[in-house]
Protein backbone atom coordinates (compact mmCIF):
# COMPACT_ATOMS: atom_id res chain seq x y z
CA MET A 1 19.44 79.15 -6.08
CA ASP A 2 20.62 80.17 -2.86
CA SER A 3 24.53 79.72 -2.83
CA VAL A 4 24.51 77.40 0.84
CA THR A 5 22.40 75.39 -0.97
CA LEU A 6 24.37 75.37 -4.19
CA THR A 7 27.43 75.12 -2.18
CA ALA A 8 25.81 72.37 -0.15
CA GLY A 9 24.62 70.60 -3.40
CA PHE A 10 28.08 70.34 -4.75
CA GLY A 11 29.39 69.05 -1.14
CA THR A 12 27.53 66.32 -0.93
CA ALA A 13 28.10 65.33 -5.08
CA ALA A 14 31.41 65.60 -3.14
CA SER A 15 31.85 62.70 -1.39
CA VAL A 16 28.70 60.53 -3.27
CA SER A 17 31.96 60.42 -5.35
CA GLN A 18 33.94 59.80 -3.47
CA LEU A 19 32.42 56.63 -1.37
CA ALA A 20 31.49 55.64 -4.79
CA TYR A 21 35.96 55.88 -5.46
CA GLY A 22 36.46 53.80 -2.52
CA TRP A 23 34.07 51.11 -2.90
CA LEU A 24 34.99 50.22 -6.67
CA SER A 25 38.97 50.40 -5.64
CA GLY A 26 37.78 48.14 -2.93
CA LEU A 27 35.75 45.29 -5.06
CA LEU A 28 39.04 45.69 -8.19
CA HIS A 29 41.45 45.75 -5.51
CA ALA A 30 39.10 41.86 -4.71
CA TYR A 31 39.17 41.54 -7.25
CA ARG A 32 42.15 41.01 -9.01
CA ILE A 33 43.75 39.63 -5.80
CA LYS A 34 40.84 36.84 -6.16
CA LEU A 35 42.81 36.44 -9.54
CA GLU A 36 46.47 35.95 -9.07
CA ILE A 37 44.96 33.60 -6.55
CA ARG A 38 43.56 31.34 -9.03
CA ARG A 39 46.81 31.73 -11.29
CA GLU A 40 48.89 30.55 -8.30
CA ARG A 41 46.93 27.55 -8.12
CA GLU A 42 47.08 26.67 -11.75
CA ARG A 43 50.84 26.86 -11.71
CA CYS A 44 50.61 25.26 -8.62
CA THR A 45 48.67 22.01 -10.29
CA ALA A 46 50.22 22.42 -13.35
CA LEU A 47 53.78 22.04 -11.88
CA MET A 48 52.76 19.11 -9.48
CA ALA A 49 51.06 17.31 -12.30
CA THR A 50 55.07 18.04 -14.45
CA ILE A 51 57.13 16.82 -10.46
CA MET A 52 54.03 13.41 -11.01
CA ALA A 53 55.50 12.46 -14.65
CA LEU A 54 59.04 11.85 -14.10
CA PRO A 55 60.31 9.42 -14.25
CA PRO A 56 62.52 8.27 -10.99
CA GLY A 57 65.67 9.75 -9.82
CA SER A 58 64.72 12.96 -12.10
CA GLU A 59 64.52 16.33 -10.87
CA ILE A 60 63.19 19.82 -12.36
CA THR A 61 64.48 23.67 -11.77
CA GLU A 62 61.94 26.70 -11.74
CA LEU A 63 62.81 30.21 -11.17
CA THR A 64 61.13 31.89 -8.88
CA PRO A 65 59.30 34.69 -9.64
CA ASP A 66 62.35 36.67 -7.33
CA GLY A 67 64.99 35.51 -9.43
CA ARG A 68 65.63 31.95 -7.46
CA ARG A 69 66.14 28.60 -8.94
CA LEU A 70 64.02 26.29 -6.99
CA THR A 71 65.40 22.87 -7.35
CA ILE A 72 63.48 19.16 -6.86
CA LYS A 73 65.27 15.60 -7.03
CA LEU A 74 63.15 12.73 -7.30
CA PRO A 75 65.22 9.74 -5.53
CA PRO A 76 66.17 7.44 -7.62
CA SER A 77 64.27 3.93 -6.14
CA GLU A 78 60.81 5.89 -5.35
CA ALA A 79 57.82 6.51 -8.39
CA ALA A 80 56.82 9.91 -8.06
């Protein structure tokens, strides 16, 4: 085999593998983002269900991922 043909073949194979790696990385990133969005929606739904189940005048405190505390106080005269 000619060395030019061999070098071109290796170059083409390297380019194809880089393209495939980039494509797969993009797919995996999109999948991870979709999973994260789904988890946050489920967490939000669970939190809202918890809040709606509380009696009037209650409060709920949640610790956010960045370490802050979030407290929700329901009015004493109104049901959630």
